[in-house]
Amino acid sequence: VDGDGRLDMAISRQWDDPVFYRNTGAADNGFLALDLTHEG
């Protein structure tokens, strides 16, 4: 969600508030993220 290269999670909960988990992991690893769209 913030473009830092780490996957975050949003969790739905039955009969309770949903929760967003921001990925704050300390692992200093590289990533490849591809946004693949049709032409135009």
ModelCIF file with pLDDT and N, C-alpha, C, O atoms, coordinates in Angstrom:
data_MODEL
#
_entry.id   MODEL 
#
_entity.id                         1 
_entity.type                       polymer 
_entity.pdbx_number_of_molecules   1 
#
_entity_poly.entity_id                      1 
_entity_poly.type                           'polypeptide(L)' 
_entity_poly.nstd_linkage                   no 
_entity_poly.nstd_monomer                   no 
_entity_poly.pdbx_seq_one_letter_code       VDGDGRLDMAISRQWDDPVFYRNTGAADNGFLALDLTHEG 
_entity_poly.pdbx_seq_one_letter_code_can   VDGDGRLDMAISRQWDDPVFYRNTGAADNGFLALDLTHEG 
_entity_poly.pdbx_strand_id                 A 
#
loop_
_entity_poly_seq.entity_id 
_entity_poly_seq.num 
_entity_poly_seq.mon_id 
_entity_poly_seq.hetero 
1 1  VAL n 
1 2  ASP n 
1 3  GLY n 
1 4  ASP n 
1 5  GLY n 
1 6  ARG n 
1 7  LEU n 
1 8  ASP n 
1 9  MET n 
1 10 ALA n 
1 11 ILE n 
1 12 SER n 
1 13 ARG n 
1 14 GLN n 
1 15 TRP n 
1 16 ASP n 
1 17 ASP n 
1 18 PRO n 
1 19 VAL n 
1 20 PHE n 
1 21 TYR n 
1 22 ARG n 
1 23 ASN n 
1 24 THR n 
1 25 GLY n 
1 26 ALA n 
1 27 ALA n 
1 28 ASP n 
1 29 ASN n 
1 30 GLY n 
1 31 PHE n 
1 32 LEU n 
1 33 ALA n 
1 34 LEU n 
1 35 ASP n 
1 36 LEU n 
1 37 THR n 
1 38 HIS n 
1 39 GLU n 
1 40 GLY n 
#
_struct_asym.id          A 
_struct_asym.entity_id   1 
#
loop_
_ma_qa_metric.id 
_ma_qa_metric.mode 
_ma_qa_metric.name 
_ma_qa_metric.software_group_id 
_ma_qa_metric.type 
1 global pLDDT . pLDDT 
2 local  pLDDT . pLDDT 
#
_ma_qa_metric_global.metric_id      1 
_ma_qa_metric_global.metric_value   96.88 
_ma_qa_metric_global.model_id       1 
_ma_qa_metric_global.ordinal_id     1 
#
loop_
_ma_qa_metric_local.label_asym_id 
_ma_qa_metric_local.label_comp_id 
_ma_qa_metric_local.label_seq_id 
_ma_qa_metric_local.metric_id 
_ma_qa_metric_local.metric_value 
_ma_qa_metric_local.model_id 
_ma_qa_metric_local.ordinal_id 
A VAL 1  2 98.00 1 1  
A ASP 2  2 97.00 1 2  
A GLY 3  2 97.00 1 3  
A ASP 4  2 97.00 1 4  
A GLY 5  2 98.00 1 5  
A ARG 6  2 98.00 1 6  
A LEU 7  2 98.00 1 7  
A ASP 8  2 98.00 1 8  
A MET 9  2 98.00 1 9  
A ALA 10 2 98.00 1 10 
A ILE 11 2 98.00 1 11 
A SER 12 2 98.00 1 12 
A ARG 13 2 98.00 1 13 
A GLN 14 2 98.00 1 14 
A TRP 15 2 98.00 1 15 
A ASP 16 2 98.00 1 16 
A ASP 17 2 98.00 1 17 
A PRO 18 2 98.00 1 18 
A VAL 19 2 98.00 1 19 
A PHE 20 2 98.00 1 20 
A TYR 21 2 98.00 1 21 
A ARG 22 2 98.00 1 22 
A ASN 23 2 98.00 1 23 
A THR 24 2 98.00 1 24 
A GLY 25 2 97.00 1 25 
A ALA 26 2 92.00 1 26 
A ALA 27 2 90.00 1 27 
A ASP 28 2 93.00 1 28 
A ASN 29 2 97.00 1 29 
A GLY 30 2 97.00 1 30 
A PHE 31 2 98.00 1 31 
A LEU 32 2 98.00 1 32 
A ALA 33 2 98.00 1 33 
A LEU 34 2 98.00 1 34 
A ASP 35 2 98.00 1 35 
A LEU 36 2 98.00 1 36 
A THR 37 2 98.00 1 37 
A HIS 38 2 97.00 1 38 
A GLU 39 2 94.00 1 39 
A GLY 40 2 83.00 1 40 
#
loop_
_atom_site.group_PDB 
_atom_site.id 
_atom_site.type_symbol 
_atom_site.label_atom_id 
_atom_site.label_alt_id 
_atom_site.label_comp_id 
_atom_site.label_asym_id 
_atom_site.label_entity_id 
_atom_site.label_seq_id 
_atom_site.pdbx_PDB_ins_code 
_atom_site.Cartn_x 
_atom_site.Cartn_y 
_atom_site.Cartn_z 
_atom_site.occupancy 
_atom_site.B_iso_or_equiv 
_atom_site.pdbx_formal_charge 
_atom_site.auth_seq_id 
_atom_site.auth_comp_id 
_atom_site.auth_asym_id 
_atom_site.auth_atom_id 
_atom_site.pdbx_PDB_model_num 
ATOM 1   N N  . VAL A 1 1  ? 0.802   -1.220  0.000   1.00 98.00 ? 1  VAL A N  1 
ATOM 2   C CA . VAL A 1 1  ? 0.000   0.000   0.000   1.00 98.00 ? 1  VAL A CA 1 
ATOM 3   C C  . VAL A 1 1  ? 0.836   1.273   0.000   1.00 98.00 ? 1  VAL A C  1 
ATOM 4   O O  . VAL A 1 1  ? 0.357   2.316   -0.445  1.00 98.00 ? 1  VAL A O  1 
ATOM 5   N N  . ASP A 1 2  ? 2.064   1.214   0.484   1.00 97.00 ? 2  ASP A N  1 
ATOM 6   C CA . ASP A 1 2  ? 2.879   2.421   0.575   1.00 97.00 ? 2  ASP A CA 1 
ATOM 7   C C  . ASP A 1 2  ? 4.081   2.413   -0.360  1.00 97.00 ? 2  ASP A C  1 
ATOM 8   O O  . ASP A 1 2  ? 4.901   3.331   -0.327  1.00 97.00 ? 2  ASP A O  1 
ATOM 9   N N  . GLY A 1 3  ? 4.189   1.388   -1.188  1.00 97.00 ? 3  GLY A N  1 
ATOM 10  C CA . GLY A 1 3  ? 5.250   1.355   -2.189  1.00 97.00 ? 3  GLY A CA 1 
ATOM 11  C C  . GLY A 1 3  ? 6.638   1.105   -1.648  1.00 97.00 ? 3  GLY A C  1 
ATOM 12  O O  . GLY A 1 3  ? 7.625   1.434   -2.306  1.00 97.00 ? 3  GLY A O  1 
ATOM 13  N N  . ASP A 1 4  ? 6.739   0.519   -0.442  1.00 97.00 ? 4  ASP A N  1 
ATOM 14  C CA . ASP A 1 4  ? 8.063   0.276   0.135   1.00 97.00 ? 4  ASP A CA 1 
ATOM 15  C C  . ASP A 1 4  ? 8.620   -1.091  -0.225  1.00 97.00 ? 4  ASP A C  1 
ATOM 16  O O  . ASP A 1 4  ? 9.702   -1.457  0.234   1.00 97.00 ? 4  ASP A O  1 
ATOM 17  N N  . GLY A 1 5  ? 7.889   -1.860  -1.047  1.00 98.00 ? 5  GLY A N  1 
ATOM 18  C CA . GLY A 1 5  ? 8.373   -3.164  -1.478  1.00 98.00 ? 5  GLY A CA 1 
ATOM 19  C C  . GLY A 1 5  ? 8.025   -4.301  -0.555  1.00 98.00 ? 5  GLY A C  1 
ATOM 20  O O  . GLY A 1 5  ? 8.435   -5.436  -0.798  1.00 98.00 ? 5  GLY A O  1 
ATOM 21  N N  . ARG A 1 6  ? 7.266   -4.027  0.518   1.00 98.00 ? 6  ARG A N  1 
ATOM 22  C CA . ARG A 1 6  ? 6.857   -5.068  1.463   1.00 98.00 ? 6  ARG A CA 1 
ATOM 23  C C  . ARG A 1 6  ? 5.339   -5.215  1.413   1.00 98.00 ? 6  ARG A C  1 
ATOM 24  O O  . ARG A 1 6  ? 4.607   -4.225  1.444   1.00 98.00 ? 6  ARG A O  1 
ATOM 25  N N  . LEU A 1 7  ? 4.880   -6.449  1.336   1.00 98.00 ? 7  LEU A N  1 
ATOM 26  C CA . LEU A 1 7  ? 3.442   -6.710  1.256   1.00 98.00 ? 7  LEU A CA 1 
ATOM 27  C C  . LEU A 1 7  ? 2.771   -6.481  2.605   1.00 98.00 ? 7  LEU A C  1 
ATOM 28  O O  . LEU A 1 7  ? 3.212   -7.000  3.630   1.00 98.00 ? 7  LEU A O  1 
ATOM 29  N N  . ASP A 1 8  ? 1.700   -5.697  2.585   1.00 98.00 ? 8  ASP A N  1 
ATOM 30  C CA . ASP A 1 8  ? 0.875   -5.460  3.755   1.00 98.00 ? 8  ASP A CA 1 
ATOM 31  C C  . ASP A 1 8  ? -0.360  -6.358  3.680   1.00 98.00 ? 8  ASP A C  1 
ATOM 32  O O  . ASP A 1 8  ? -0.604  -7.004  2.661   1.00 98.00 ? 8  ASP A O  1 
ATOM 33  N N  . MET A 1 9  ? -1.143  -6.395  4.774   1.00 98.00 ? 9  MET A N  1 
ATOM 34  C CA . MET A 1 9  ? -2.345  -7.224  4.824   1.00 98.00 ? 9  MET A CA 1 
ATOM 35  C C  . MET A 1 9  ? -3.522  -6.420  5.372   1.00 98.00 ? 9  MET A C  1 
ATOM 36  O O  . MET A 1 9  ? -3.371  -5.635  6.308   1.00 98.00 ? 9  MET A O  1 
ATOM 37  N N  . ALA A 1 10 ? -4.676  -6.627  4.784   1.00 98.00 ? 10 ALA A N  1 
ATOM 38  C CA . ALA A 1 10 ? -5.935  -6.148  5.365   1.00 98.00 ? 10 ALA A CA 1 
ATOM 39  C C  . ALA A 1 10 ? -6.794  -7.376  5.640   1.00 98.00 ? 10 ALA A C  1 
ATOM 40  O O  . ALA A 1 10 ? -6.965  -8.224  4.765   1.00 98.00 ? 10 ALA A O  1 
ATOM 41  N N  . ILE A 1 11 ? -7.334  -7.473  6.854   1.00 98.00 ? 11 ILE A N  1 
ATOM 42  C CA . ILE A 1 11 ? -8.038  -8.672  7.303   1.00 98.00 ? 11 ILE A CA 1 
ATOM 43  C C  . ILE A 1 11 ? -9.478  -8.312  7.650   1.00 98.00 ? 11 ILE A C  1 
ATOM 44  O O  . ILE A 1 11 ? -9.722  -7.377  8.412   1.00 98.00 ? 11 ILE A O  1 
ATOM 45  N N  . SER A 1 12 ? -10.432 -9.055  7.089   1.00 98.00 ? 12 SER A N  1 
ATOM 46  C CA . SER A 1 12 ? -11.821 -8.877  7.490   1.00 98.00 ? 12 SER A CA 1 
ATOM 47  C C  . SER A 1 12 ? -12.138 -9.848  8.619   1.00 98.00 ? 12 SER A C  1 
ATOM 48  O O  . SER A 1 12 ? -11.674 -10.988 8.634   1.00 98.00 ? 12 SER A O  1 
ATOM 49  N N  . ARG A 1 13 ? -12.945 -9.363  9.569   1.00 98.00 ? 13 ARG A N  1 
ATOM 50  C CA . ARG A 1 13 ? -13.293 -10.172 10.735  1.00 98.00 ? 13 ARG A CA 1 
ATOM 51  C C  . ARG A 1 13 ? -14.813 -10.207 10.872  1.00 98.00 ? 13 ARG A C  1 
ATOM 52  O O  . ARG A 1 13 ? -15.490 -9.187  10.747  1.00 98.00 ? 13 ARG A O  1 
ATOM 53  N N  . GLN A 1 14 ? -15.330 -11.407 11.132  1.00 98.00 ? 14 GLN A N  1 
ATOM 54  C CA . GLN A 1 14 ? -16.778 -11.595 11.184  1.00 98.00 ? 14 GLN A CA 1 
ATOM 55  C C  . GLN A 1 14 ? -17.339 -10.989 12.466  1.00 98.00 ? 14 GLN A C  1 
ATOM 56  O O  . GLN A 1 14 ? -16.962 -11.396 13.565  1.00 98.00 ? 14 GLN A O  1 
ATOM 57  N N  . TRP A 1 15 ? -18.245 -10.009 12.326  1.00 98.00 ? 15 TRP A N  1 
ATOM 58  C CA . TRP A 1 15 ? -18.894 -9.316  13.436  1.00 98.00 ? 15 TRP A CA 1 
ATOM 59  C C  . TRP A 1 15 ? -17.894 -8.557  14.303  1.00 98.00 ? 15 TRP A C  1 
ATOM 60  O O  . TRP A 1 15 ? -18.052 -8.473  15.521  1.00 98.00 ? 15 TRP A O  1 
ATOM 61  N N  . ASP A 1 16 ? -16.872 -8.010  13.667  1.00 98.00 ? 16 ASP A N  1 
ATOM 62  C CA . ASP A 1 16 ? -15.892 -7.191  14.383  1.00 98.00 ? 16 ASP A CA 1 
ATOM 63  C C  . ASP A 1 16 ? -15.229 -6.259  13.377  1.00 98.00 ? 16 ASP A C  1 
ATOM 64  O O  . ASP A 1 16 ? -15.380 -6.424  12.167  1.00 98.00 ? 16 ASP A O  1 
ATOM 65  N N  . ASP A 1 17 ? -14.493 -5.279  13.894  1.00 98.00 ? 17 ASP A N  1 
ATOM 66  C CA . ASP A 1 17 ? -13.812 -4.338  13.016  1.00 98.00 ? 17 ASP A CA 1 
ATOM 67  C C  . ASP A 1 17 ? -12.771 -5.051  12.157  1.00 98.00 ? 17 ASP A C  1 
ATOM 68  O O  . ASP A 1 17 ? -12.116 -5.982  12.629  1.00 98.00 ? 17 ASP A O  1 
ATOM 69  N N  . PRO A 1 18 ? -12.610 -4.629  10.908  1.00 98.00 ? 18 PRO A N  1 
ATOM 70  C CA . PRO A 1 18 ? -11.481 -5.130  10.124  1.00 98.00 ? 18 PRO A CA 1 
ATOM 71  C C  . PRO A 1 18 ? -10.192 -4.528  10.675  1.00 98.00 ? 18 PRO A C  1 
ATOM 72  O O  . PRO A 1 18 ? -10.228 -3.574  11.452  1.00 98.00 ? 18 PRO A O  1 
ATOM 73  N N  . VAL A 1 19 ? -9.066  -5.084  10.275  1.00 98.00 ? 19 VAL A N  1 
ATOM 74  C CA . VAL A 1 19 ? -7.790  -4.555  10.741  1.00 98.00 ? 19 VAL A CA 1 
ATOM 75  C C  . VAL A 1 19 ? -6.799  -4.530  9.586   1.00 98.00 ? 19 VAL A C  1 
ATOM 76  O O  . VAL A 1 19 ? -6.773  -5.432  8.749   1.00 98.00 ? 19 VAL A O  1 
ATOM 77  N N  . PHE A 1 20 ? -5.983  -3.479  9.557   1.00 98.00 ? 20 PHE A N  1 
ATOM 78  C CA . PHE A 1 20 ? -4.917  -3.364  8.559   1.00 98.00 ? 20 PHE A CA 1 
ATOM 79  C C  . PHE A 1 20 ? -3.591  -3.616  9.254   1.00 98.00 ? 20 PHE A C  1 
ATOM 80  O O  . PHE A 1 20 ? -3.302  -3.016  10.289  1.00 98.00 ? 20 PHE A O  1 
ATOM 81  N N  . TYR A 1 21 ? -2.785  -4.503  8.684   1.00 98.00 ? 21 TYR A N  1 
ATOM 82  C CA . TYR A 1 21 ? -1.465  -4.804  9.228   1.00 98.00 ? 21 TYR A CA 1 
ATOM 83  C C  . TYR A 1 21 ? -0.395  -4.265  8.284   1.00 98.00 ? 21 TYR A C  1 
ATOM 84  O O  . TYR A 1 21 ? -0.175  -4.797  7.197   1.00 98.00 ? 21 TYR A O  1 
ATOM 85  N N  . ARG A 1 22 ? 0.267   -3.191  8.729   1.00 98.00 ? 22 ARG A N  1 
ATOM 86  C CA . ARG A 1 22 ? 1.364   -2.630  7.946   1.00 98.00 ? 22 ARG A CA 1 
ATOM 87  C C  . ARG A 1 22 ? 2.610   -3.486  8.158   1.00 98.00 ? 22 ARG A C  1 
ATOM 88  O O  . ARG A 1 22 ? 2.968   -3.813  9.289   1.00 98.00 ? 22 ARG A O  1 
ATOM 89  N N  . ASN A 1 23 ? 3.258   -3.838  7.063   1.00 98.00 ? 23 ASN A N  1 
ATOM 90  C CA . ASN A 1 23 ? 4.454   -4.674  7.133   1.00 98.00 ? 23 ASN A CA 1 
ATOM 91  C C  . ASN A 1 23 ? 5.637   -3.827  7.597   1.00 98.00 ? 23 ASN A C  1 
ATOM 92  O O  . ASN A 1 23 ? 6.097   -2.936  6.883   1.00 98.00 ? 23 ASN A O  1 
ATOM 93  N N  . THR A 1 24 ? 6.118   -4.121  8.796   1.00 98.00 ? 24 THR A N  1 
ATOM 94  C CA . THR A 1 24 ? 7.257   -3.397  9.362   1.00 98.00 ? 24 THR A CA 1 
ATOM 95  C C  . THR A 1 24 ? 8.460   -4.315  9.538   1.00 98.00 ? 24 THR A C  1 
ATOM 96  O O  . THR A 1 24 ? 9.347   -4.035  10.344  1.00 98.00 ? 24 THR A O  1 
ATOM 97  N N  . GLY A 1 25 ? 8.488   -5.403  8.788   1.00 97.00 ? 25 GLY A N  1 
ATOM 98  C CA . GLY A 1 25 ? 9.541   -6.393  8.950   1.00 97.00 ? 25 GLY A CA 1 
ATOM 99  C C  . GLY A 1 25 ? 10.931  -5.818  8.791   1.00 97.00 ? 25 GLY A C  1 
ATOM 100 O O  . GLY A 1 25 ? 11.163  -4.906  7.998   1.00 97.00 ? 25 GLY A O  1 
ATOM 101 N N  . ALA A 1 26 ? 11.863  -6.378  9.572   1.00 92.00 ? 26 ALA A N  1 
ATOM 102 C CA . ALA A 1 26 ? 13.236  -5.872  9.583   1.00 92.00 ? 26 ALA A CA 1 
ATOM 103 C C  . ALA A 1 26 ? 14.108  -6.489  8.507   1.00 92.00 ? 26 ALA A C  1 
ATOM 104 O O  . ALA A 1 26 ? 15.232  -6.032  8.296   1.00 92.00 ? 26 ALA A O  1 
ATOM 105 N N  . ALA A 1 27 ? 13.619  -7.524  7.815   1.00 90.00 ? 27 ALA A N  1 
ATOM 106 C CA . ALA A 1 27 ? 14.443  -8.183  6.805   1.00 90.00 ? 27 ALA A CA 1 
ATOM 107 C C  . ALA A 1 27 ? 14.783  -7.202  5.679   1.00 90.00 ? 27 ALA A C  1 
ATOM 108 O O  . ALA A 1 27 ? 13.896  -6.570  5.104   1.00 90.00 ? 27 ALA A O  1 
ATOM 109 N N  . ASP A 1 28 ? 16.059  -7.086  5.379   1.00 93.00 ? 28 ASP A N  1 
ATOM 110 C CA . ASP A 1 28 ? 16.523  -6.144  4.358   1.00 93.00 ? 28 ASP A CA 1 
ATOM 111 C C  . ASP A 1 28 ? 16.755  -6.891  3.050   1.00 93.00 ? 28 ASP A C  1 
ATOM 112 O O  . ASP A 1 28 ? 17.888  -7.022  2.587   1.00 93.00 ? 28 ASP A O  1 
ATOM 113 N N  . ASN A 1 29 ? 15.670  -7.376  2.467   1.00 97.00 ? 29 ASN A N  1 
ATOM 114 C CA . ASN A 1 29 ? 15.765  -8.142  1.229   1.00 97.00 ? 29 ASN A CA 1 
ATOM 115 C C  . ASN A 1 29 ? 15.203  -7.343  0.061   1.00 97.00 ? 29 ASN A C  1 
ATOM 116 O O  . ASN A 1 29 ? 14.382  -6.442  0.239   1.00 97.00 ? 29 ASN A O  1 
ATOM 117 N N  . GLY A 1 30 ? 15.661  -7.692  -1.135  1.00 97.00 ? 30 GLY A N  1 
ATOM 118 C CA . GLY A 1 30 ? 15.189  -7.013  -2.330  1.00 97.00 ? 30 GLY A CA 1 
ATOM 119 C C  . GLY A 1 30 ? 13.854  -7.567  -2.805  1.00 97.00 ? 30 GLY A C  1 
ATOM 120 O O  . GLY A 1 30 ? 13.399  -8.613  -2.342  1.00 97.00 ? 30 GLY A O  1 
ATOM 121 N N  . PHE A 1 31 ? 13.234  -6.848  -3.738  1.00 98.00 ? 31 PHE A N  1 
ATOM 122 C CA . PHE A 1 31 ? 11.938  -7.261  -4.262  1.00 98.00 ? 31 PHE A CA 1 
ATOM 123 C C  . PHE A 1 31 ? 11.819  -6.833  -5.710  1.00 98.00 ? 31 PHE A C  1 
ATOM 124 O O  . PHE A 1 31 ? 12.542  -5.957  -6.185  1.00 98.00 ? 31 PHE A O  1 
ATOM 125 N N  . LEU A 1 32 ? 10.886  -7.474  -6.398  1.00 98.00 ? 32 LEU A N  1 
ATOM 126 C CA . LEU A 1 32 ? 10.484  -7.083  -7.742  1.00 98.00 ? 32 LEU A CA 1 
ATOM 127 C C  . LEU A 1 32 ? 8.967   -7.008  -7.748  1.00 98.00 ? 32 LEU A C  1 
ATOM 128 O O  . LEU A 1 32 ? 8.292   -7.994  -7.453  1.00 98.00 ? 32 LEU A O  1 
ATOM 129 N N  . ALA A 1 33 ? 8.425   -5.834  -8.086  1.00 98.00 ? 33 ALA A N  1 
ATOM 130 C CA . ALA A 1 33 ? 6.975   -5.648  -8.152  1.00 98.00 ? 33 ALA A CA 1 
ATOM 131 C C  . ALA A 1 33 ? 6.618   -5.162  -9.544  1.00 98.00 ? 33 ALA A C  1 
ATOM 132 O O  . ALA A 1 33 ? 7.154   -4.159  -10.015 1.00 98.00 ? 33 ALA A O  1 
ATOM 133 N N  . LEU A 1 34 ? 5.707   -5.875  -10.204 1.00 98.00 ? 34 LEU A N  1 
ATOM 134 C CA . LEU A 1 34 ? 5.334   -5.563  -11.582 1.00 98.00 ? 34 LEU A CA 1 
ATOM 135 C C  . LEU A 1 34 ? 3.859   -5.195  -11.650 1.00 98.00 ? 34 LEU A C  1 
ATOM 136 O O  . LEU A 1 34 ? 2.997   -5.959  -11.215 1.00 98.00 ? 34 LEU A O  1 
ATOM 137 N N  . ASP A 1 35 ? 3.576   -4.009  -12.202 1.00 98.00 ? 35 ASP A N  1 
ATOM 138 C CA . ASP A 1 35 ? 2.212   -3.611  -12.544 1.00 98.00 ? 35 ASP A CA 1 
ATOM 139 C C  . ASP A 1 35 ? 2.045   -3.854  -14.037 1.00 98.00 ? 35 ASP A C  1 
ATOM 140 O O  . ASP A 1 35 ? 2.584   -3.106  -14.852 1.00 98.00 ? 35 ASP A O  1 
ATOM 141 N N  . LEU A 1 36 ? 1.300   -4.895  -14.399 1.00 98.00 ? 36 LEU A N  1 
ATOM 142 C CA . LEU A 1 36 ? 1.151   -5.316  -15.788 1.00 98.00 ? 36 LEU A CA 1 
ATOM 143 C C  . LEU A 1 36 ? -0.244  -4.931  -16.270 1.00 98.00 ? 36 LEU A C  1 
ATOM 144 O O  . LEU A 1 36 ? -1.245  -5.442  -15.768 1.00 98.00 ? 36 LEU A O  1 
ATOM 145 N N  . THR A 1 37 ? -0.303  -4.028  -17.243 1.00 98.00 ? 37 THR A N  1 
ATOM 146 C CA . THR A 1 37 ? -1.581  -3.542  -17.745 1.00 98.00 ? 37 THR A CA 1 
ATOM 147 C C  . THR A 1 37 ? -1.628  -3.634  -19.262 1.00 98.00 ? 37 THR A C  1 
ATOM 148 O O  . THR A 1 37 ? -0.597  -3.668  -19.933 1.00 98.00 ? 37 THR A O  1 
ATOM 149 N N  . HIS A 1 38 ? -2.848  -3.674  -19.786 1.00 97.00 ? 38 HIS A N  1 
ATOM 150 C CA . HIS A 1 38 ? -3.031  -3.644  -21.232 1.00 97.00 ? 38 HIS A CA 1 
ATOM 151 C C  . HIS A 1 38 ? -2.618  -2.286  -21.784 1.00 97.00 ? 38 HIS A C  1 
ATOM 152 O O  . HIS A 1 38 ? -2.565  -1.297  -21.053 1.00 97.00 ? 38 HIS A O  1 
ATOM 153 N N  . GLU A 1 39 ? -2.325  -2.248  -23.080 1.00 94.00 ? 39 GLU A N  1 
ATOM 154 C CA . GLU A 1 39 ? -1.986  -0.984  -23.730 1.00 94.00 ? 39 GLU A CA 1 
ATOM 155 C C  . GLU A 1 39 ? -3.142  -0.009  -23.609 1.00 94.00 ? 39 GLU A C  1 
ATOM 156 O O  . GLU A 1 39 ? -4.303  -0.403  -23.500 1.00 94.00 ? 39 GLU A O  1 
ATOM 157 N N  . GLY A 1 40 ? -2.796  1.290   -23.630 1.00 83.00 ? 40 GLY A N  1 
ATOM 158 C CA . GLY A 1 40 ? -3.819  2.313   -23.492 1.00 83.00 ? 40 GLY A CA 1 
ATOM 159 C C  . GLY A 1 40 ? -4.135  2.532   -22.029 1.00 83.00 ? 40 GLY A C  1 
ATOM 160 O O  . GLY A 1 40 ? -4.981  3.362   -21.698 1.00 83.00 ? 40 GLY A O  1 
#
